[in-house]
């Protein structure tokens, strides 16, 4: 033990000056940026960094004391980050997110996202079938506060006016309903993602509930011969909005899959890797929800032609499909390139 201490002391005495010099440069860069260094200091930086790495290698080889090893490892890591770390600004970070990271993460989680979409579609069909068979199902599947007065007791004329009247009493009720529907779907989307860690069960239940509610609401309008009209009102913003919900649902299911089936990895590592991907997908879904909110306002107050609504809604779905499938290729964050 005494011999090791003597070794460490001598080793430190011979090299400590260069370590301290490097530490001072790194500390200044951490406080501001590399621009604070003088040209001569910039020239010294690579030499000092390589000397620190050499010292660390030697210290490991001759088994010096742990505190010295920790100091050198920390210094080398800090210096590496300042020398080779990312220098991207906000614009570059956002550009990378939208052109590569987000679409790559969506592609990487393709299977759970497709499953989320299928669950929503099947649930909507079930809600439509149940309500069409017995209108009483509407009251069980559609929350009263969310329906905003739209019920089997409403007249066909009132239901029709609500889809096109952007002002007046009917339009005011439509505005309230649209706002509540948007808030509801946003909450469902974020909950689908957040609750994925609970083995995916709450995520699946939320997707089923949301799908059945949509199907039931559609059955009400279709029963009055207004299915095509409601479809136009919904698709202009609902295509983007419901796709965002499905993305969050897929992200939540991906978390559950990583926990239940970690493969050759530990559960912690599997969750960490999938969590980074799922977080990117959910973050992008928030952007989609914001876009859906703008489309909903336009479709309610400006565009009242059914065909135009369908054209915009289908066009948005085509855009999202092409965007996610043809984004710039790169290994998605959180996944090993060889996986």
C-alpha atoms as a PDB file:
ATOM      1  CA  UNK A   1       0.000   0.000   0.000  1.00  0.00           C
ATOM      2  CA  UNK A   2       2.831   2.389   0.940  1.00  0.00           C
ATOM      3  CA  UNK A   3       4.577   1.598  -2.345  1.00  0.00           C
ATOM      4  CA  UNK A   4       1.401   2.382  -4.323  1.00  0.00           C
ATOM      5  CA  UNK A   5       1.079   5.755  -2.589  1.00  0.00           C
ATOM      6  CA  UNK A   6       4.698   6.586  -3.418  1.00  0.00           C
ATOM      7  CA  UNK A   7       4.079   5.618  -7.054  1.00  0.00           C
ATOM      8  CA  UNK A   8       0.987   7.801  -7.259  1.00  0.00           C
ATOM      9  CA  UNK A   9       2.735  10.736  -5.640  1.00  0.00           C
ATOM     10  CA  UNK A  10       5.701  10.567  -8.016  1.00  0.00           C
ATOM     11  CA  UNK A  11       3.434  10.032 -11.030  1.00  0.00           C
ATOM     12  CA  UNK A  12       1.303  13.013 -10.103  1.00  0.00           C
ATOM     13  CA  UNK A  13       4.326  15.241  -9.411  1.00  0.00           C
ATOM     14  CA  UNK A  14       5.769  14.612 -12.884  1.00  0.00           C
ATOM     15  CA  UNK A  15       2.554  15.241 -14.831  1.00  0.00           C
ATOM     16  CA  UNK A  16       0.217  17.324 -12.680  1.00  0.00           C
ATOM     17  CA  UNK A  17       1.163  20.647 -14.260  1.00  0.00           C
ATOM     18  CA  UNK A  18      -0.204  19.603 -17.671  1.00  0.00           C
ATOM     19  CA  UNK A  19      -3.367  18.197 -16.070  1.00  0.00           C
ATOM     20  CA  UNK A  20      -4.047  21.447 -14.275  1.00  0.00           C
ATOM     21  CA  UNK A  21      -3.427  23.427 -17.446  1.00  0.00           C
ATOM     22  CA  UNK A  22      -5.916  21.250 -19.340  1.00  0.00           C
ATOM     23  CA  UNK A  23      -8.409  21.475 -16.490  1.00  0.00           C
ATOM     24  CA  UNK A  24      -8.217  25.271 -16.554  1.00  0.00           C
ATOM     25  CA  UNK A  25      -8.855  25.416 -20.298  1.00  0.00           C
ATOM     26  CA  UNK A  26     -11.773  22.983 -20.050  1.00  0.00           C
ATOM     27  CA  UNK A  27     -13.315  24.934 -17.161  1.00  0.00           C
ATOM     28  CA  UNK A  28     -13.236  28.147 -19.197  1.00  0.00           C
ATOM     29  CA  UNK A  29     -14.825  26.391 -22.189  1.00  0.00           C
ATOM     30  CA  UNK A  30     -17.555  24.938 -19.980  1.00  0.00           C
ATOM     31  CA  UNK A  31     -18.466  28.377 -18.634  1.00  0.00           C
ATOM     32  CA  UNK A  32     -18.690  29.993 -22.078  1.00  0.00           C
ATOM     33  CA  UNK A  33     -17.421  28.313 -25.240  1.00  0.00           C
ATOM     34  CA  UNK A  34     -14.271  27.415 -27.126  1.00  0.00           C
ATOM     35  CA  UNK A  35     -14.176  30.988 -28.445  1.00  0.00           C
ATOM     36  CA  UNK A  36     -12.807  32.214 -25.091  1.00  0.00           C
ATOM     37  CA  UNK A  37      -9.450  30.514 -25.762  1.00  0.00           C
ATOM     38  CA  UNK A  38      -6.551  32.323 -27.354  1.00  0.00           C
ATOM     39  CA  UNK A  39      -5.021  30.861 -30.554  1.00  0.00           C
ATOM     40  CA  UNK A  40      -2.003  29.617 -28.613  1.00  0.00           C
ATOM     41  CA  UNK A  41      -4.270  27.884 -26.092  1.00  0.00           C
ATOM     42  CA  UNK A  42      -6.217  26.239 -28.897  1.00  0.00           C
ATOM     43  CA  UNK A  43      -2.952  24.881 -30.263  1.00  0.00           C
ATOM     44  CA  UNK A  44      -2.077  23.502 -26.835  1.00  0.00           C
ATOM     45  CA  UNK A  45      -5.452  21.869 -26.240  1.00  0.00           C
ATOM     46  CA  UNK A  46      -4.992  18.694 -28.369  1.00  0.00           C
ATOM     47  CA  UNK A  47      -1.495  18.129 -26.944  1.00  0.00           C
ATOM     48  CA  UNK A  48      -2.730  18.463 -23.371  1.00  0.00           C
ATOM     49  CA  UNK A  49      -5.702  16.189 -24.081  1.00  0.00           C
ATOM     50  CA  UNK A  50      -3.483  13.448 -25.550  1.00  0.00           C
ATOM     51  CA  UNK A  51      -1.119  13.778 -22.586  1.00  0.00           C
ATOM     52  CA  UNK A  52      -4.034  13.314 -20.182  1.00  0.00           C
ATOM     53  CA  UNK A  53      -5.164  10.205 -22.068  1.00  0.00           C
ATOM     54  CA  UNK A  54      -1.625   8.845 -21.963  1.00  0.00           C
ATOM     55  CA  UNK A  55      -1.453   9.486 -18.211  1.00  0.00           C
ATOM     56  CA  UNK A  56      -4.761   7.709 -17.722  1.00  0.00           C
ATOM     57  CA  UNK A  57      -3.583   4.717 -19.708  1.00  0.00           C
ATOM     58  CA  UNK A  58      -0.362   4.442 -17.713  1.00  0.00           C
ATOM     59  CA  UNK A  59      -2.210   4.926 -14.401  1.00  0.00           C
ATOM     60  CA  UNK A  60      -4.525   2.048 -15.251  1.00  0.00           C
ATOM     61  CA  UNK A  61      -1.653  -0.179 -16.367  1.00  0.00           C
ATOM     62  CA  UNK A  62       0.329   0.212 -13.139  1.00  0.00           C
ATOM     63  CA  UNK A  63      -2.782   0.188 -10.928  1.00  0.00           C
ATOM     64  CA  UNK A  64      -2.414   3.513  -9.208  1.00  0.00           C
ATOM     65  CA  UNK A  65      -4.815   4.647  -6.474  1.00  0.00           C
ATOM     66  CA  UNK A  66      -8.520   4.961  -7.271  1.00  0.00           C
ATOM     67  CA  UNK A  67      -8.811   8.677  -6.562  1.00  0.00           C
ATOM     68  CA  UNK A  68      -6.153   9.524  -9.158  1.00  0.00           C
ATOM     69  CA  UNK A  69      -7.812   7.274 -11.736  1.00  0.00           C
ATOM     70  CA  UNK A  70     -11.195   8.907 -11.071  1.00  0.00           C
ATOM     71  CA  UNK A  71      -9.698  12.369 -11.469  1.00  0.00           C
ATOM     72  CA  UNK A  72      -8.041  11.519 -14.788  1.00  0.00           C
ATOM     73  CA  UNK A  73     -11.138   9.771 -16.150  1.00  0.00           C
ATOM     74  CA  UNK A  74     -13.307  12.760 -15.268  1.00  0.00           C
ATOM     75  CA  UNK A  75     -10.810  15.199 -16.795  1.00  0.00           C
ATOM     76  CA  UNK A  76     -10.533  13.143 -19.999  1.00  0.00           C
ATOM     77  CA  UNK A  77     -14.322  12.914 -20.341  1.00  0.00           C
ATOM     78  CA  UNK A  78     -14.817  16.656 -19.824  1.00  0.00           C
ATOM     79  CA  UNK A  79     -12.084  17.478 -22.310  1.00  0.00           C
ATOM     80  CA  UNK A  80     -13.469  15.039 -24.893  1.00  0.00           C
ATOM     81  CA  UNK A  81     -16.922  16.595 -24.703  1.00  0.00           C
ATOM     82  CA  UNK A  82     -15.547  20.117 -25.119  1.00  0.00           C
ATOM     83  CA  UNK A  83     -13.254  19.162 -28.008  1.00  0.00           C
ATOM     84  CA  UNK A  84     -15.424  16.687 -29.903  1.00  0.00           C
ATOM     85  CA  UNK A  85     -18.902  17.328 -28.496  1.00  0.00           C
ATOM     86  CA  UNK A  86     -21.795  18.693 -30.593  1.00  0.00           C
ATOM     87  CA  UNK A  87     -21.684  22.357 -31.589  1.00  0.00           C
ATOM     88  CA  UNK A  88     -25.129  22.500 -33.140  1.00  0.00           C
ATOM     89  CA  UNK A  89     -27.344  25.520 -32.574  1.00  0.00           C
ATOM     90  CA  UNK A  90     -31.081  25.479 -32.036  1.00  0.00           C
ATOM     91  CA  UNK A  91     -31.804  25.597 -35.771  1.00  0.00           C
ATOM     92  CA  UNK A  92     -29.535  22.627 -36.443  1.00  0.00           C
ATOM     93  CA  UNK A  93     -31.037  20.637 -33.582  1.00  0.00           C
ATOM     94  CA  UNK A  94     -34.582  21.267 -34.839  1.00  0.00           C
ATOM     95  CA  UNK A  95     -33.533  20.506 -38.400  1.00  0.00           C
ATOM     96  CA  UNK A  96     -32.000  17.205 -37.330  1.00  0.00           C
ATOM     97  CA  UNK A  97     -35.126  16.321 -35.348  1.00  0.00           C
ATOM     98  CA  UNK A  98     -37.570  16.953 -38.195  1.00  0.00           C
ATOM     99  CA  UNK A  99     -35.442  15.623 -41.057  1.00  0.00           C
ATOM    100  CA  UNK A 100     -33.976  12.541 -39.402  1.00  0.00           C
ATOM    101  CA  UNK A 101     -34.518  11.760 -35.721  1.00  0.00           C
ATOM    102  CA  UNK A 102     -38.319  11.848 -35.560  1.00  0.00           C
ATOM    103  CA  UNK A 103     -39.120   9.925 -38.779  1.00  0.00           C
ATOM    104  CA  UNK A 104     -36.341   7.436 -37.986  1.00  0.00           C
ATOM    105  CA  UNK A 105     -37.833   6.818 -34.529  1.00  0.00           C
ATOM    106  CA  UNK A 106     -41.304   6.313 -36.045  1.00  0.00           C
ATOM    107  CA  UNK A 107     -39.904   3.757 -38.495  1.00  0.00           C
ATOM    108  CA  UNK A 108     -38.014   1.997 -35.718  1.00  0.00           C
ATOM    109  CA  UNK A 109     -41.255   1.609 -33.726  1.00  0.00           C
ATOM    110  CA  UNK A 110     -43.272   0.691 -36.801  1.00  0.00           C
ATOM    111  CA  UNK A 111     -44.791  -2.527 -35.450  1.00  0.00           C
ATOM    112  CA  UNK A 112     -46.227  -1.162 -32.183  1.00  0.00           C
ATOM    113  CA  UNK A 113     -47.467   1.943 -34.030  1.00  0.00           C
ATOM    114  CA  UNK A 114     -49.264  -0.197 -36.626  1.00  0.00           C
ATOM    115  CA  UNK A 115     -50.756  -2.239 -33.785  1.00  0.00           C
ATOM    116  CA  UNK A 116     -51.955   0.984 -32.142  1.00  0.00           C
ATOM    117  CA  UNK A 117     -53.610   2.079 -35.404  1.00  0.00           C
ATOM    118  CA  UNK A 118     -55.294  -1.311 -35.855  1.00  0.00           C
ATOM    119  CA  UNK A 119     -56.615  -1.310 -32.284  1.00  0.00           C
ATOM    120  CA  UNK A 120     -58.117   2.148 -32.849  1.00  0.00           C
ATOM    121  CA  UNK A 121     -59.740   1.126 -36.159  1.00  0.00           C
ATOM    122  CA  UNK A 122     -61.175  -2.133 -34.799  1.00  0.00           C
ATOM    123  CA  UNK A 123     -62.484  -0.335 -31.704  1.00  0.00           C
ATOM    124  CA  UNK A 124     -64.115   2.366 -33.843  1.00  0.00           C
ATOM    125  CA  UNK A 125     -65.827  -0.290 -35.935  1.00  0.00           C
ATOM    126  CA  UNK A 126     -67.025  -2.025 -32.761  1.00  0.00           C
ATOM    127  CA  UNK A 127     -68.380   1.240 -31.347  1.00  0.00           C
ATOM    128  CA  UNK A 128     -70.153   1.973 -34.633  1.00  0.00           C
ATOM    129  CA  UNK A 129     -71.673  -1.519 -34.813  1.00  0.00           C
ATOM    130  CA  UNK A 130     -72.875  -1.485 -31.189  1.00  0.00           C
ATOM    131  CA  UNK A 131     -74.443   1.967 -31.445  1.00  0.00           C
ATOM    132  CA  UNK A 132     -75.986   1.200 -34.810  1.00  0.00           C
ATOM    133  CA  UNK A 133     -77.550  -1.945 -33.351  1.00  0.00           C
ATOM    134  CA  UNK A 134     -78.782  -0.229 -30.173  1.00  0.00           C
ATOM    135  CA  UNK A 135     -78.667   3.551 -29.847  1.00  0.00           C
ATOM    136  CA  UNK A 136     -78.510   3.228 -26.054  1.00  0.00           C
ATOM    137  CA  UNK A 137     -74.852   2.293 -26.449  1.00  0.00           C
ATOM    138  CA  UNK A 138     -74.217   5.914 -27.410  1.00  0.00           C
ATOM    139  CA  UNK A 139     -74.926   7.061 -23.869  1.00  0.00           C
ATOM    140  CA  UNK A 140     -72.529   4.441 -22.474  1.00  0.00           C
ATOM    141  CA  UNK A 141     -69.682   5.078 -24.907  1.00  0.00           C
ATOM    142  CA  UNK A 142     -69.856   8.843 -25.412  1.00  0.00           C
ATOM    143  CA  UNK A 143     -69.119  10.977 -22.322  1.00  0.00           C
ATOM    144  CA  UNK A 144     -71.864  13.528 -21.756  1.00  0.00           C
ATOM    145  CA  UNK A 145     -69.513  16.494 -21.304  1.00  0.00           C
ATOM    146  CA  UNK A 146     -67.644  15.611 -24.482  1.00  0.00           C
ATOM    147  CA  UNK A 147     -70.807  15.154 -26.571  1.00  0.00           C
ATOM    148  CA  UNK A 148     -71.680  18.821 -25.906  1.00  0.00           C
ATOM    149  CA  UNK A 149     -75.401  18.264 -26.391  1.00  0.00           C
ATOM    150  CA  UNK A 150     -75.031  15.994 -29.438  1.00  0.00           C
ATOM    151  CA  UNK A 151     -77.180  12.982 -28.645  1.00  0.00           C
ATOM    152  CA  UNK A 152     -79.892  10.777 -30.190  1.00  0.00           C
ATOM    153  CA  UNK A 153     -82.372  13.343 -28.838  1.00  0.00           C
ATOM    154  CA  UNK A 154     -80.914  16.073 -31.097  1.00  0.00           C
ATOM    155  CA  UNK A 155     -82.778  16.838 -34.310  1.00  0.00           C
ATOM    156  CA  UNK A 156     -81.202  16.040 -37.660  1.00  0.00           C
ATOM    157  CA  UNK A 157     -81.259  19.741 -38.496  1.00  0.00           C
ATOM    158  CA  UNK A 158     -79.270  20.607 -35.351  1.00  0.00           C
ATOM    159  CA  UNK A 159     -76.720  17.898 -36.073  1.00  0.00           C
ATOM    160  CA  UNK A 160     -76.363  19.160 -39.638  1.00  0.00           C
ATOM    161  CA  UNK A 161     -76.024  22.820 -38.683  1.00  0.00           C
ATOM    162  CA  UNK A 162     -73.287  22.028 -36.191  1.00  0.00           C
ATOM    163  CA  UNK A 163     -70.994  20.814 -38.983  1.00  0.00           C
ATOM    164  CA  UNK A 164     -71.109  23.995 -41.036  1.00  0.00           C
ATOM    165  CA  UNK A 165     -72.229  26.921 -38.888  1.00  0.00           C
ATOM    166  CA  UNK A 166     -69.100  28.671 -37.650  1.00  0.00           C
ATOM    167  CA  UNK A 167     -71.012  31.327 -35.779  1.00  0.00           C
ATOM    168  CA  UNK A 168     -74.166  31.754 -33.806  1.00  0.00           C
ATOM    169  CA  UNK A 169     -75.503  29.466 -31.121  1.00  0.00           C
ATOM    170  CA  UNK A 170     -74.958  26.287 -33.116  1.00  0.00           C
ATOM    171  CA  UNK A 171     -71.459  27.311 -34.079  1.00  0.00           C
ATOM    172  CA  UNK A 172     -70.702  28.191 -30.480  1.00  0.00           C
ATOM    173  CA  UNK A 173     -71.680  24.704 -29.388  1.00  0.00           C
ATOM    174  CA  UNK A 174     -69.548  23.269 -32.191  1.00  0.00           C
ATOM    175  CA  UNK A 175     -66.602  25.366 -31.051  1.00  0.00           C
ATOM    176  CA  UNK A 176     -66.991  24.067 -27.505  1.00  0.00           C
ATOM    177  CA  UNK A 177     -67.300  20.483 -28.738  1.00  0.00           C
ATOM    178  CA  UNK A 178     -64.265  20.816 -31.031  1.00  0.00           C
ATOM    179  CA  UNK A 179     -62.152  22.290 -28.243  1.00  0.00           C
ATOM    180  CA  UNK A 180     -63.139  19.546 -25.823  1.00  0.00           C
ATOM    181  CA  UNK A 181     -62.488  16.888 -28.479  1.00  0.00           C
ATOM    182  CA  UNK A 182     -59.011  18.308 -29.125  1.00  0.00           C
ATOM    183  CA  UNK A 183     -58.174  18.481 -25.412  1.00  0.00           C
ATOM    184  CA  UNK A 184     -59.550  14.978 -24.922  1.00  0.00           C
ATOM    185  CA  UNK A 185     -57.439  13.506 -27.737  1.00  0.00           C
ATOM    186  CA  UNK A 186     -54.337  15.357 -26.525  1.00  0.00           C
ATOM    187  CA  UNK A 187     -54.792  13.943 -23.037  1.00  0.00           C
ATOM    188  CA  UNK A 188     -55.411  10.460 -24.403  1.00  0.00           C
ATOM    189  CA  UNK A 189     -52.279  10.697 -26.562  1.00  0.00           C
ATOM    190  CA  UNK A 190     -49.978  11.700 -23.695  1.00  0.00           C
ATOM    191  CA  UNK A 191     -51.532   9.163 -21.322  1.00  0.00           C
ATOM    192  CA  UNK A 192     -51.107   6.391 -23.908  1.00  0.00           C
ATOM    193  CA  UNK A 193     -47.400   7.150 -23.963  1.00  0.00           C
ATOM    194  CA  UNK A 194     -46.884   7.719 -20.246  1.00  0.00           C
ATOM    195  CA  UNK A 195     -48.832   4.632 -19.132  1.00  0.00           C
ATOM    196  CA  UNK A 196     -47.026   2.299 -21.520  1.00  0.00           C
ATOM    197  CA  UNK A 197     -44.645   1.449 -18.690  1.00  0.00           C
ATOM    198  CA  UNK A 198     -47.559  -0.286 -16.911  1.00  0.00           C
ATOM    199  CA  UNK A 199     -47.120  -3.296 -19.247  1.00  0.00           C
ATOM    200  CA  UNK A 200     -49.168  -1.565 -21.957  1.00  0.00           C
ATOM    201  CA  UNK A 201     -52.549  -2.481 -20.473  1.00  0.00           C
ATOM    202  CA  UNK A 202     -53.732   1.103 -19.748  1.00  0.00           C
ATOM    203  CA  UNK A 203     -52.472   2.149 -23.195  1.00  0.00           C
ATOM    204  CA  UNK A 204     -54.565  -0.520 -24.926  1.00  0.00           C
ATOM    205  CA  UNK A 205     -57.622   0.349 -22.830  1.00  0.00           C
ATOM    206  CA  UNK A 206     -57.311   4.040 -23.690  1.00  0.00           C
ATOM    207  CA  UNK A 207     -56.969   3.281 -27.407  1.00  0.00           C
ATOM    208  CA  UNK A 208     -60.014   0.999 -27.278  1.00  0.00           C
ATOM    209  CA  UNK A 209     -62.064   3.553 -25.359  1.00  0.00           C
ATOM    210  CA  UNK A 210     -61.112   6.364 -27.738  1.00  0.00           C
ATOM    211  CA  UNK A 211     -61.842   4.273 -30.817  1.00  0.00           C
ATOM    212  CA  UNK A 212     -65.238   3.092 -29.566  1.00  0.00           C
ATOM    213  CA  UNK A 213     -66.227   6.638 -28.675  1.00  0.00           C
ATOM    214  CA  UNK A 214     -65.349   7.796 -32.190  1.00  0.00           C
ATOM    215  CA  UNK A 215     -67.299   4.926 -33.758  1.00  0.00           C
ATOM    216  CA  UNK A 216     -70.326   5.609 -31.602  1.00  0.00           C
ATOM    217  CA  UNK A 217     -70.325   9.304 -32.481  1.00  0.00           C
ATOM    218  CA  UNK A 218     -70.071   8.459 -36.163  1.00  0.00           C
ATOM    219  CA  UNK A 219     -72.974   6.012 -35.857  1.00  0.00           C
ATOM    220  CA  UNK A 220     -75.178   8.799 -34.486  1.00  0.00           C
ATOM    221  CA  UNK A 221     -74.575  10.957 -37.548  1.00  0.00           C
ATOM    222  CA  UNK A 222     -74.642   8.081 -40.030  1.00  0.00           C
ATOM    223  CA  UNK A 223     -78.026   7.042 -38.653  1.00  0.00           C
ATOM    224  CA  UNK A 224     -79.356  10.448 -39.757  1.00  0.00           C
ATOM    225  CA  UNK A 225     -77.778  10.201 -43.213  1.00  0.00           C
ATOM    226  CA  UNK A 226     -74.970  12.582 -42.244  1.00  0.00           C
ATOM    227  CA  UNK A 227     -72.058  10.128 -42.196  1.00  0.00           C
ATOM    228  CA  UNK A 228     -70.348  11.643 -45.238  1.00  0.00           C
ATOM    229  CA  UNK A 229     -70.746  15.149 -43.844  1.00  0.00           C
ATOM    230  CA  UNK A 230     -69.321  14.203 -40.455  1.00  0.00           C
ATOM    231  CA  UNK A 231     -66.458  12.373 -42.144  1.00  0.00           C
ATOM    232  CA  UNK A 232     -65.424  15.559 -43.921  1.00  0.00           C
ATOM    233  CA  UNK A 233     -65.603  17.606 -40.730  1.00  0.00           C
ATOM    234  CA  UNK A 234     -63.562  15.002 -38.848  1.00  0.00           C
ATOM    235  CA  UNK A 235     -60.902  14.078 -41.393  1.00  0.00           C
ATOM    236  CA  UNK A 236     -59.627  17.590 -42.051  1.00  0.00           C
ATOM    237  CA  UNK A 237     -58.135  17.668 -38.563  1.00  0.00           C
ATOM    238  CA  UNK A 238     -58.938  14.216 -37.167  1.00  0.00           C
ATOM    239  CA  UNK A 239     -56.625  12.416 -39.584  1.00  0.00           C
ATOM    240  CA  UNK A 240     -53.608  14.211 -38.130  1.00  0.00           C
ATOM    241  CA  UNK A 241     -55.008  14.222 -34.596  1.00  0.00           C
ATOM    242  CA  UNK A 242     -55.859  10.510 -34.462  1.00  0.00           C
ATOM    243  CA  UNK A 243     -52.556   9.585 -36.099  1.00  0.00           C
ATOM    244  CA  UNK A 244     -50.784  11.515 -33.328  1.00  0.00           C
ATOM    245  CA  UNK A 245     -52.775   9.525 -30.750  1.00  0.00           C
ATOM    246  CA  UNK A 246     -51.773   6.300 -32.506  1.00  0.00           C
ATOM    247  CA  UNK A 247     -48.110   7.343 -32.510  1.00  0.00           C
ATOM    248  CA  UNK A 248     -48.241   7.921 -28.761  1.00  0.00           C
ATOM    249  CA  UNK A 249     -50.076   4.625 -28.340  1.00  0.00           C
ATOM    250  CA  UNK A 250     -47.351   2.868 -30.315  1.00  0.00           C
ATOM    251  CA  UNK A 251     -44.668   4.580 -28.215  1.00  0.00           C
ATOM    252  CA  UNK A 252     -46.400   3.366 -25.040  1.00  0.00           C
ATOM    253  CA  UNK A 253     -46.687  -0.195 -26.386  1.00  0.00           C
ATOM    254  CA  UNK A 254     -43.000  -0.084 -27.339  1.00  0.00           C
ATOM    255  CA  UNK A 255     -42.117   0.681 -23.708  1.00  0.00           C
ATOM    256  CA  UNK A 256     -44.217  -2.261 -22.570  1.00  0.00           C
ATOM    257  CA  UNK A 257     -42.559  -4.531 -25.143  1.00  0.00           C
ATOM    258  CA  UNK A 258     -39.088  -3.444 -24.010  1.00  0.00           C
ATOM    259  CA  UNK A 259     -39.949  -4.313 -20.407  1.00  0.00           C
ATOM    260  CA  UNK A 260     -41.686  -7.632 -21.077  1.00  0.00           C
ATOM    261  CA  UNK A 261     -39.356  -8.868 -23.828  1.00  0.00           C
ATOM    262  CA  UNK A 262     -35.897  -7.352 -23.231  1.00  0.00           C
ATOM    263  CA  UNK A 263     -34.185 -10.070 -25.304  1.00  0.00           C
ATOM    264  CA  UNK A 264     -30.460 -10.409 -24.629  1.00  0.00           C
ATOM    265  CA  UNK A 265     -30.331  -7.015 -22.915  1.00  0.00           C
ATOM    266  CA  UNK A 266     -31.128  -6.161 -19.334  1.00  0.00           C
ATOM    267  CA  UNK A 267     -34.583  -4.698 -18.776  1.00  0.00           C
ATOM    268  CA  UNK A 268     -33.036  -1.402 -17.700  1.00  0.00           C
ATOM    269  CA  UNK A 269     -30.979  -1.088 -20.882  1.00  0.00           C
ATOM    270  CA  UNK A 270     -33.876  -2.221 -23.070  1.00  0.00           C
ATOM    271  CA  UNK A 271     -36.177   0.369 -21.477  1.00  0.00           C
ATOM    272  CA  UNK A 272     -33.547   3.103 -21.780  1.00  0.00           C
ATOM    273  CA  UNK A 273     -33.027   2.459 -25.510  1.00  0.00           C
ATOM    274  CA  UNK A 274     -36.722   2.144 -26.327  1.00  0.00           C
ATOM    275  CA  UNK A 275     -37.495   5.072 -24.049  1.00  0.00           C
ATOM    276  CA  UNK A 276     -35.313   7.399 -26.121  1.00  0.00           C
ATOM    277  CA  UNK A 277     -37.085   6.333 -29.311  1.00  0.00           C
ATOM    278  CA  UNK A 278     -40.536   6.499 -27.720  1.00  0.00           C
ATOM    279  CA  UNK A 279     -39.779   9.968 -26.354  1.00  0.00           C
ATOM    280  CA  UNK A 280     -38.876  11.233 -29.833  1.00  0.00           C
ATOM    281  CA  UNK A 281     -42.104   9.787 -31.257  1.00  0.00           C
ATOM    282  CA  UNK A 282     -44.225  11.335 -28.487  1.00  0.00           C
ATOM    283  CA  UNK A 283     -42.491  14.710 -28.854  1.00  0.00           C
ATOM    284  CA  UNK A 284     -43.252  14.727 -32.566  1.00  0.00           C
ATOM    285  CA  UNK A 285     -46.857  13.746 -31.840  1.00  0.00           C
ATOM    286  CA  UNK A 286     -47.228  16.919 -29.780  1.00  0.00           C
ATOM    287  CA  UNK A 287     -46.253  18.902 -32.891  1.00  0.00           C
ATOM    288  CA  UNK A 288     -48.891  16.982 -34.868  1.00  0.00           C
ATOM    289  CA  UNK A 289     -51.537  17.800 -32.271  1.00  0.00           C
ATOM    290  CA  UNK A 290     -50.699  21.487 -32.589  1.00  0.00           C
ATOM    291  CA  UNK A 291     -51.050  21.259 -36.378  1.00  0.00           C
ATOM    292  CA  UNK A 292     -54.360  19.416 -35.936  1.00  0.00           C
ATOM    293  CA  UNK A 293     -55.596  22.272 -33.761  1.00  0.00           C
ATOM    294  CA  UNK A 294     -54.900  24.761 -36.550  1.00  0.00           C
ATOM    295  CA  UNK A 295     -56.592  22.505 -39.123  1.00  0.00           C
ATOM    296  CA  UNK A 296     -59.603  22.090 -36.859  1.00  0.00           C
ATOM    297  CA  UNK A 297     -60.063  25.846 -36.606  1.00  0.00           C
ATOM    298  CA  UNK A 298     -59.767  26.257 -40.375  1.00  0.00           C
ATOM    299  CA  UNK A 299     -62.113  23.382 -41.106  1.00  0.00           C
ATOM    300  CA  UNK A 300     -64.721  24.657 -38.682  1.00  0.00           C
ATOM    301  CA  UNK A 301     -64.805  28.331 -39.600  1.00  0.00           C
ATOM    302  CA  UNK A 302     -63.280  28.775 -43.069  1.00  0.00           C
ATOM    303  CA  UNK A 303     -63.712  25.622 -45.163  1.00  0.00           C
ATOM    304  CA  UNK A 304     -67.271  24.282 -45.226  1.00  0.00           C
ATOM    305  CA  UNK A 305     -67.186  22.357 -48.509  1.00  0.00           C
ATOM    306  CA  UNK A 306     -67.192  18.601 -47.836  1.00  0.00           C
ATOM    307  CA  UNK A 307     -64.990  17.655 -50.785  1.00  0.00           C
ATOM    308  CA  UNK A 308     -62.416  20.281 -49.864  1.00  0.00           C
ATOM    309  CA  UNK A 309     -62.372  19.006 -46.295  1.00  0.00           C
ATOM    310  CA  UNK A 310     -61.813  15.450 -47.519  1.00  0.00           C
ATOM    311  CA  UNK A 311     -59.131  16.610 -49.936  1.00  0.00           C
ATOM    312  CA  UNK A 312     -57.202  18.432 -47.202  1.00  0.00           C
ATOM    313  CA  UNK A 313     -57.619  15.614 -44.678  1.00  0.00           C
ATOM    314  CA  UNK A 314     -56.552  12.869 -47.095  1.00  0.00           C
ATOM    315  CA  UNK A 315     -53.737  15.091 -48.340  1.00  0.00           C
ATOM    316  CA  UNK A 316     -52.439  15.486 -44.769  1.00  0.00           C
ATOM    317  CA  UNK A 317     -52.525  11.721 -44.213  1.00  0.00           C
ATOM    318  CA  UNK A 318     -50.623  11.198 -47.479  1.00  0.00           C
ATOM    319  CA  UNK A 319     -48.103  13.831 -46.383  1.00  0.00           C
ATOM    320  CA  UNK A 320     -47.501  12.165 -43.012  1.00  0.00           C
ATOM    321  CA  UNK A 321     -47.150   8.742 -44.642  1.00  0.00           C
ATOM    322  CA  UNK A 322     -44.565   9.972 -47.137  1.00  0.00           C
ATOM    323  CA  UNK A 323     -42.790  11.997 -44.470  1.00  0.00           C
ATOM    324  CA  UNK A 324     -42.338   9.063 -42.095  1.00  0.00           C
ATOM    325  CA  UNK A 325     -41.480   6.535 -44.789  1.00  0.00           C
ATOM    326  CA  UNK A 326     -39.073   8.662 -46.815  1.00  0.00           C
ATOM    327  CA  UNK A 327     -37.254  10.652 -44.132  1.00  0.00           C
ATOM    328  CA  UNK A 328     -33.474  10.837 -44.283  1.00  0.00           C
ATOM    329  CA  UNK A 329     -32.076   7.433 -43.393  1.00  0.00           C
ATOM    330  CA  UNK A 330     -29.891   7.100 -40.325  1.00  0.00           C
ATOM    331  CA  UNK A 331     -29.623   4.735 -37.347  1.00  0.00           C
ATOM    332  CA  UNK A 332     -32.358   5.869 -34.934  1.00  0.00           C
ATOM    333  CA  UNK A 333     -31.256   7.274 -31.596  1.00  0.00           C
ATOM    334  CA  UNK A 334     -31.471   4.715 -28.848  1.00  0.00           C
ATOM    335  CA  UNK A 335     -30.885   1.722 -31.152  1.00  0.00           C
ATOM    336  CA  UNK A 336     -27.591   0.070 -31.898  1.00  0.00           C
ATOM    337  CA  UNK A 337     -26.698   0.332 -35.557  1.00  0.00           C
ATOM    338  CA  UNK A 338     -26.363  -3.426 -35.805  1.00  0.00           C
ATOM    339  CA  UNK A 339     -29.688  -4.212 -34.142  1.00  0.00           C
END
